[in-house]
């Protein structure tokens, strides 16, 4: 398969193992990634993880601002196959039509469920027991093309966005490696997606980050872990935004919803509809991330009792 010329399109850390699998099994002639962006408090202009990986392998990289207007280089390298994974832009039909073996996408859900840009976040946020990886032929729709192969991944109660992403990265690279021979030989199966089973995993917006407590404890727990670590969920306490990264469920105590009713060694308990959620890992506005048990070293935990969260939303 090494003689197969491939253009890879991807951006985040999640897509790096997919690129590495392609490098191992094919000839990657070009990588397309999102433009360099400012990162961190000092806003240092930084290339994407995929770009960094490609350059480390001596592969040419282009970073068009808008791929629909700037894809001439893809045509020039004459790829046999285009593979995308979390690229971050809609790929136009003119690009999809270039490779003779077709454009392929590696998507982090069991399609047709959770089409869109944040399927891993949404799988946890929505309480799924499993998700997976789907490899599909691309068409002009959003993740709507025919399915080639897929593999399930269990979502455990301990999983966070980060841990589930790591599982899916590994499965994605393994599934791609086992599926590539049939794609390249032209023998891959094509299974149309079932329209009546479609759901969407839309990109996370700021409004999605706010944790509300007038829900069941498990729903709040899923919300927090589904955004850990990026972008992180938050609530408002005493007029300040507080990021929250970890919690545990306590179904043995029930108090006023949205109010800190309990203080424990590892955190503080906030009332929900059917129990309480114990917040254990936070980042107060303007401060560093800290375990709540360490946060208590600076304040008396009991001083938080009775505080209503999200009482002063801005």
Protein backbone atom coordinates (compact mmCIF):
# COMPACT_ATOMS: atom_id res chain seq x y z
CA UNK A 1 0.00 0.00 0.00
CA UNK A 2 3.00 2.27 0.35
CA UNK A 3 2.66 3.40 -3.27
CA UNK A 4 -0.79 4.85 -2.52
CA UNK A 5 -0.54 8.64 -2.52
CA UNK A 6 -2.55 10.20 0.32
CA UNK A 7 -3.52 13.70 1.35
CA UNK A 8 -4.43 13.89 5.03
CA UNK A 9 -6.63 16.64 6.46
CA UNK A 10 -6.74 17.04 10.24
CA UNK A 11 -5.96 19.43 13.07
CA UNK A 12 -6.09 18.41 16.78
CA UNK A 13 -4.15 15.91 18.86
CA UNK A 14 -6.94 13.39 18.31
CA UNK A 15 -6.04 13.18 14.60
CA UNK A 16 -2.29 12.63 15.07
CA UNK A 17 -2.48 8.80 15.42
CA UNK A 18 -4.54 8.69 12.23
CA UNK A 19 -1.80 10.58 10.40
CA UNK A 20 0.85 8.28 11.85
CA UNK A 21 -1.09 5.21 10.69
CA UNK A 22 -1.23 6.64 7.17
CA UNK A 23 2.49 7.41 7.22
CA UNK A 24 3.16 3.81 8.23
CA UNK A 25 0.97 2.26 5.53
CA UNK A 26 0.88 4.71 2.61
CA UNK A 27 2.77 7.61 1.06
CA UNK A 28 1.45 10.81 2.60
CA UNK A 29 2.28 13.49 0.04
CA UNK A 30 0.55 16.44 1.70
CA UNK A 31 -1.09 17.40 4.98
CA UNK A 32 -3.79 20.05 5.25
CA UNK A 33 -4.46 21.58 8.67
CA UNK A 34 -6.03 24.63 10.26
CA UNK A 35 -3.95 27.84 10.39
CA UNK A 36 -1.60 28.41 13.34
CA UNK A 37 -3.41 29.94 16.33
CA UNK A 38 -2.49 31.82 19.52
CA UNK A 39 -2.24 29.48 22.50
CA UNK A 40 -1.99 30.06 26.25
CA UNK A 41 -2.02 33.21 28.34
CA UNK A 42 0.79 34.73 26.32
CA UNK A 43 -1.08 33.97 23.08
CA UNK A 44 1.94 32.40 21.40
CA UNK A 45 1.24 31.59 17.73
CA UNK A 46 1.39 27.79 17.59
CA UNK A 47 0.94 25.23 14.79
CA UNK A 48 -1.70 22.54 15.23
CA UNK A 49 -0.65 19.14 16.63
CA UNK A 50 -1.19 17.57 13.19
CA UNK A 51 1.00 20.18 11.51
CA UNK A 52 3.74 19.66 14.08
CA UNK A 53 3.63 15.90 13.56
CA UNK A 54 3.70 16.19 9.77
CA UNK A 55 6.64 18.59 9.77
CA UNK A 56 8.46 16.23 12.11
CA UNK A 57 8.14 13.57 9.41
CA UNK A 58 9.28 15.96 6.69
CA UNK A 59 5.84 16.12 5.05
CA UNK A 60 4.65 19.26 3.29
CA UNK A 61 1.84 21.09 5.14
CA UNK A 62 -0.58 23.73 3.93
CA UNK A 63 -2.93 25.69 6.21
CA UNK A 64 -5.54 27.44 4.06
CA UNK A 65 -7.75 29.95 5.83
CA UNK A 66 -10.69 28.72 3.77
CA UNK A 67 -10.26 25.38 2.04
CA UNK A 68 -13.13 26.12 -0.35
CA UNK A 69 -11.05 28.94 -1.86
CA UNK A 70 -7.57 27.47 -1.65
CA UNK A 71 -7.13 23.84 -2.68
CA UNK A 72 -4.92 24.07 -5.79
CA UNK A 73 -2.02 22.34 -4.05
CA UNK A 74 -4.21 19.30 -3.35
CA UNK A 75 -4.94 19.02 -7.06
CA UNK A 76 -1.25 19.42 -7.92
CA UNK A 77 -0.08 16.47 -5.79
CA UNK A 78 -2.65 14.16 -7.46
CA UNK A 79 -3.59 11.98 -4.46
CA UNK A 80 -5.12 8.56 -4.85
CA UNK A 81 -6.92 8.99 -1.54
CA UNK A 82 -7.93 11.82 0.77
CA UNK A 83 -8.40 10.99 4.46
CA UNK A 84 -9.86 13.46 6.94
CA UNK A 85 -10.14 13.37 10.72
CA UNK A 86 -11.30 16.34 12.80
CA UNK A 87 -10.12 18.83 10.19
CA UNK A 88 -12.47 21.60 11.26
CA UNK A 89 -13.72 22.94 7.93
CA UNK A 90 -16.35 21.78 5.46
CA UNK A 91 -14.54 20.12 2.55
CA UNK A 92 -16.00 21.31 -0.77
CA UNK A 93 -17.17 18.98 -3.50
CA UNK A 94 -14.33 20.11 -5.76
CA UNK A 95 -11.88 18.59 -3.26
CA UNK A 96 -13.99 15.49 -2.63
CA UNK A 97 -13.91 14.76 -6.37
CA UNK A 98 -10.10 14.79 -6.65
CA UNK A 99 -8.99 11.33 -5.40
CA UNK A 100 -9.81 8.30 -7.53
CA UNK A 101 -10.15 6.04 -4.45
CA UNK A 102 -12.47 8.50 -2.84
CA UNK A 103 -12.44 10.81 0.17
CA UNK A 104 -12.54 9.00 3.51
CA UNK A 105 -13.42 10.34 6.96
CA UNK A 106 -12.54 8.89 10.37
CA UNK A 107 -15.32 10.04 12.71
CA UNK A 108 -15.51 9.64 16.49
CA UNK A 109 -19.02 8.23 16.87
CA UNK A 110 -21.14 5.32 15.74
CA UNK A 111 -22.80 6.97 12.78
CA UNK A 112 -25.48 7.95 12.07
CA UNK A 113 -25.52 9.01 15.72
CA UNK A 114 -23.69 12.20 16.69
CA UNK A 115 -22.81 13.67 13.34
CA UNK A 116 -20.91 16.93 13.72
CA UNK A 117 -17.92 18.57 15.36
CA UNK A 118 -18.15 17.48 19.02
CA UNK A 119 -19.25 13.83 19.08
CA UNK A 120 -17.02 12.83 22.01
CA UNK A 121 -18.23 15.64 24.25
CA UNK A 122 -21.84 14.97 23.35
CA UNK A 123 -21.64 11.21 23.89
CA UNK A 124 -20.77 11.80 27.54
CA UNK A 125 -23.04 14.83 27.99
CA UNK A 126 -26.00 12.82 26.73
CA UNK A 127 -25.28 9.82 28.94
CA UNK A 128 -24.37 7.30 26.23
CA UNK A 129 -23.20 3.87 27.44
CA UNK A 130 -21.08 3.42 24.33
CA UNK A 131 -19.75 5.28 21.33
CA UNK A 132 -17.09 4.36 18.79
CA UNK A 133 -15.28 5.08 15.56
CA UNK A 134 -16.80 5.06 12.08
CA UNK A 135 -14.84 5.11 8.83
CA UNK A 136 -16.97 6.38 5.97
CA UNK A 137 -16.92 7.64 2.42
CA UNK A 138 -17.47 11.40 2.40
CA UNK A 139 -20.19 13.21 0.53
CA UNK A 140 -21.33 16.83 0.56
CA UNK A 141 -23.38 16.39 3.72
CA UNK A 142 -22.13 16.57 7.30
CA UNK A 143 -20.86 13.08 8.17
CA UNK A 144 -23.66 11.59 6.06
CA UNK A 145 -21.72 9.35 3.66
CA UNK A 146 -21.80 5.56 3.35
CA UNK A 147 -20.24 3.61 6.22
CA UNK A 148 -17.25 1.36 5.50
CA UNK A 149 -16.44 0.07 8.99
CA UNK A 150 -17.06 0.87 12.65
CA UNK A 151 -16.02 -0.29 16.11
CA UNK A 152 -17.69 0.17 19.51
CA UNK A 153 -16.05 1.73 22.57
CA UNK A 154 -17.62 1.48 26.03
CA UNK A 155 -18.09 4.67 28.04
CA UNK A 156 -17.48 3.91 31.72
CA UNK A 157 -18.65 6.01 34.66
CA UNK A 158 -15.05 7.05 35.25
CA UNK A 159 -14.50 8.30 31.71
CA UNK A 160 -13.95 11.98 31.00
CA UNK A 161 -13.64 13.75 27.67
CA UNK A 162 -9.87 13.26 27.89
CA UNK A 163 -9.88 9.55 28.76
CA UNK A 164 -12.54 8.70 26.19
CA UNK A 165 -10.64 10.65 23.53
CA UNK A 166 -7.55 8.57 24.28
CA UNK A 167 -9.52 5.33 23.87
CA UNK A 168 -11.03 6.51 20.60
CA UNK A 169 -7.69 7.68 19.18
CA UNK A 170 -6.27 4.21 19.68
CA UNK A 171 -9.30 2.46 18.22
CA UNK A 172 -9.40 4.89 15.30
CA UNK A 173 -5.84 4.20 14.24
CA UNK A 174 -6.32 0.43 14.60
CA UNK A 175 -9.57 0.44 12.63
CA UNK A 176 -8.09 2.58 9.87
CA UNK A 177 -5.11 0.26 9.53
CA UNK A 178 -7.37 -2.79 9.17
CA UNK A 179 -9.75 -1.01 6.79
CA UNK A 180 -7.20 0.61 4.47
CA UNK A 181 -6.49 -2.52 2.34
CA UNK A 182 -10.12 -2.81 1.24
CA UNK A 183 -10.36 0.91 0.51
CA UNK A 184 -7.24 0.83 -1.61
CA UNK A 185 -8.21 -2.37 -3.43
CA UNK A 186 -11.70 -1.01 -4.14
CA UNK A 187 -13.41 -3.85 -2.27
CA UNK A 188 -14.65 -1.85 0.74
CA UNK A 189 -18.32 -2.28 1.58
CA UNK A 190 -20.67 0.72 1.48
CA UNK A 191 -23.57 0.77 3.93
CA UNK A 192 -25.93 3.76 3.63
CA UNK A 193 -26.75 5.48 6.91
CA UNK A 194 -30.27 5.10 8.29
CA UNK A 195 -31.96 8.49 8.19
CA UNK A 196 -34.34 7.63 11.04
CA UNK A 197 -31.40 7.06 13.41
CA UNK A 198 -29.59 10.35 12.78
CA UNK A 199 -28.57 12.57 15.70
CA UNK A 200 -26.05 15.40 15.99
CA UNK A 201 -23.02 16.18 18.12
CA UNK A 202 -22.86 19.91 17.58
CA UNK A 203 -19.79 21.98 18.50
CA UNK A 204 -19.77 23.10 22.15
CA UNK A 205 -20.79 26.72 22.65
CA UNK A 206 -20.37 28.97 25.68
CA UNK A 207 -23.96 28.39 26.76
CA UNK A 208 -23.28 24.65 26.87
CA UNK A 209 -20.52 25.14 29.45
CA UNK A 210 -22.80 26.41 32.26
CA UNK A 211 -23.64 23.70 34.78
CA UNK A 212 -27.21 23.85 36.03
CA UNK A 213 -28.32 21.84 39.04
CA UNK A 214 -32.08 21.53 38.53
CA UNK A 215 -31.50 18.14 36.96
CA UNK A 216 -30.79 14.61 38.12
CA UNK A 217 -27.39 14.03 39.71
CA UNK A 218 -26.19 11.75 36.92
CA UNK A 219 -26.97 14.42 34.31
CA UNK A 220 -24.91 17.00 36.20
CA UNK A 221 -22.09 14.48 36.65
CA UNK A 222 -22.09 13.71 32.91
CA UNK A 223 -22.07 17.42 32.10
CA UNK A 224 -18.95 18.04 34.17
CA UNK A 225 -16.95 15.04 32.96
CA UNK A 226 -18.07 15.54 29.36
CA UNK A 227 -16.28 18.90 29.27
CA UNK A 228 -13.16 17.84 31.19
CA UNK A 229 -10.68 19.19 30.34
CA UNK A 230 -11.56 21.38 27.35
CA UNK A 231 -13.38 23.71 27.49
CA UNK A 232 -14.34 22.89 31.07
CA UNK A 233 -17.77 23.38 32.60
CA UNK A 234 -18.47 26.27 34.97
CA UNK A 235 -20.89 27.64 37.54
CA UNK A 236 -21.18 31.05 39.17
CA UNK A 237 -20.42 31.38 42.90
CA UNK A 238 -20.64 34.71 44.70
CA UNK A 239 -20.69 36.50 41.36
CA UNK A 240 -17.51 34.81 40.08
CA UNK A 241 -17.10 32.18 37.37
CA UNK A 242 -15.71 28.91 38.70
CA UNK A 243 -14.56 26.20 36.29
CA UNK A 244 -15.35 22.68 37.47
CA UNK A 245 -13.47 19.64 36.21
CA UNK A 246 -14.40 16.75 38.48
CA UNK A 247 -17.17 15.64 40.82
CA UNK A 248 -18.75 12.61 42.39
CA UNK A 249 -22.36 11.61 42.89
CA UNK A 250 -23.94 11.33 46.32
CA UNK A 251 -27.45 9.86 46.23
CA UNK A 252 -27.73 9.48 50.01
CA UNK A 253 -28.34 13.15 50.77
CA UNK A 254 -30.80 15.60 49.29
CA UNK A 255 -30.92 19.32 49.97
CA UNK A 256 -31.93 22.57 48.34
CA UNK A 257 -31.35 22.43 44.58
CA UNK A 258 -28.47 24.62 43.37
CA UNK A 259 -27.29 25.37 46.90
CA UNK A 260 -24.17 24.18 48.74
CA UNK A 261 -25.70 21.98 51.44
CA UNK A 262 -22.73 19.88 52.56
CA UNK A 263 -18.98 20.08 53.04
CA UNK A 264 -16.78 16.98 52.86
CA UNK A 265 -13.06 16.38 53.10
CA UNK A 266 -12.73 16.30 49.30
CA UNK A 267 -15.37 18.80 48.19
CA UNK A 268 -18.70 20.52 48.68
CA UNK A 269 -22.12 19.07 47.91
CA UNK A 270 -24.63 20.92 45.74
CA UNK A 271 -28.29 19.92 45.75
CA UNK A 272 -29.78 18.35 42.62
CA UNK A 273 -33.25 16.97 41.89
CA UNK A 274 -32.50 13.54 43.34
CA UNK A 275 -29.40 13.93 45.52
CA UNK A 276 -26.28 16.03 45.41
CA UNK A 277 -23.22 16.45 43.26
CA UNK A 278 -19.97 16.80 45.19
CA UNK A 279 -17.62 19.23 43.44
CA UNK A 280 -14.00 18.10 43.87
CA UNK A 281 -11.82 19.92 41.31
CA UNK A 282 -12.20 23.61 40.41
CA UNK A 283 -10.53 26.67 38.94
CA UNK A 284 -11.82 29.86 40.56
CA UNK A 285 -11.89 32.94 38.33
CA UNK A 286 -8.40 34.45 38.01
CA UNK A 287 -6.75 31.60 39.93
CA UNK A 288 -5.10 28.26 39.25
CA UNK A 289 -6.89 24.95 39.04
CA UNK A 290 -7.01 23.27 42.46
CA UNK A 291 -8.48 20.27 44.23
CA UNK A 292 -11.27 21.43 46.49
CA UNK A 293 -9.62 19.75 49.49
CA UNK A 294 -6.63 22.04 48.90
CA UNK A 295 -8.92 25.02 48.24
CA UNK A 296 -10.23 24.49 51.76
CA UNK A 297 -6.74 25.24 53.08
CA UNK A 298 -7.35 28.88 52.17
CA UNK A 299 -10.94 29.16 53.38
CA UNK A 300 -13.23 27.49 55.87
CA UNK A 301 -15.36 25.04 53.96
CA UNK A 302 -18.29 25.71 56.28
CA UNK A 303 -18.35 29.31 55.04
CA UNK A 304 -19.75 28.00 51.75
CA UNK A 305 -22.80 26.39 53.32
CA UNK A 306 -25.99 27.96 52.04
CA UNK A 307 -24.32 29.65 49.06
CA UNK A 308 -26.55 29.53 46.01
CA UNK A 309 -24.75 28.77 42.74
CA UNK A 310 -25.62 30.55 39.50
CA UNK A 311 -27.50 33.14 41.54
CA UNK A 312 -25.71 36.00 39.77
CA UNK A 313 -25.39 34.94 36.15
CA UNK A 314 -23.87 37.52 33.78
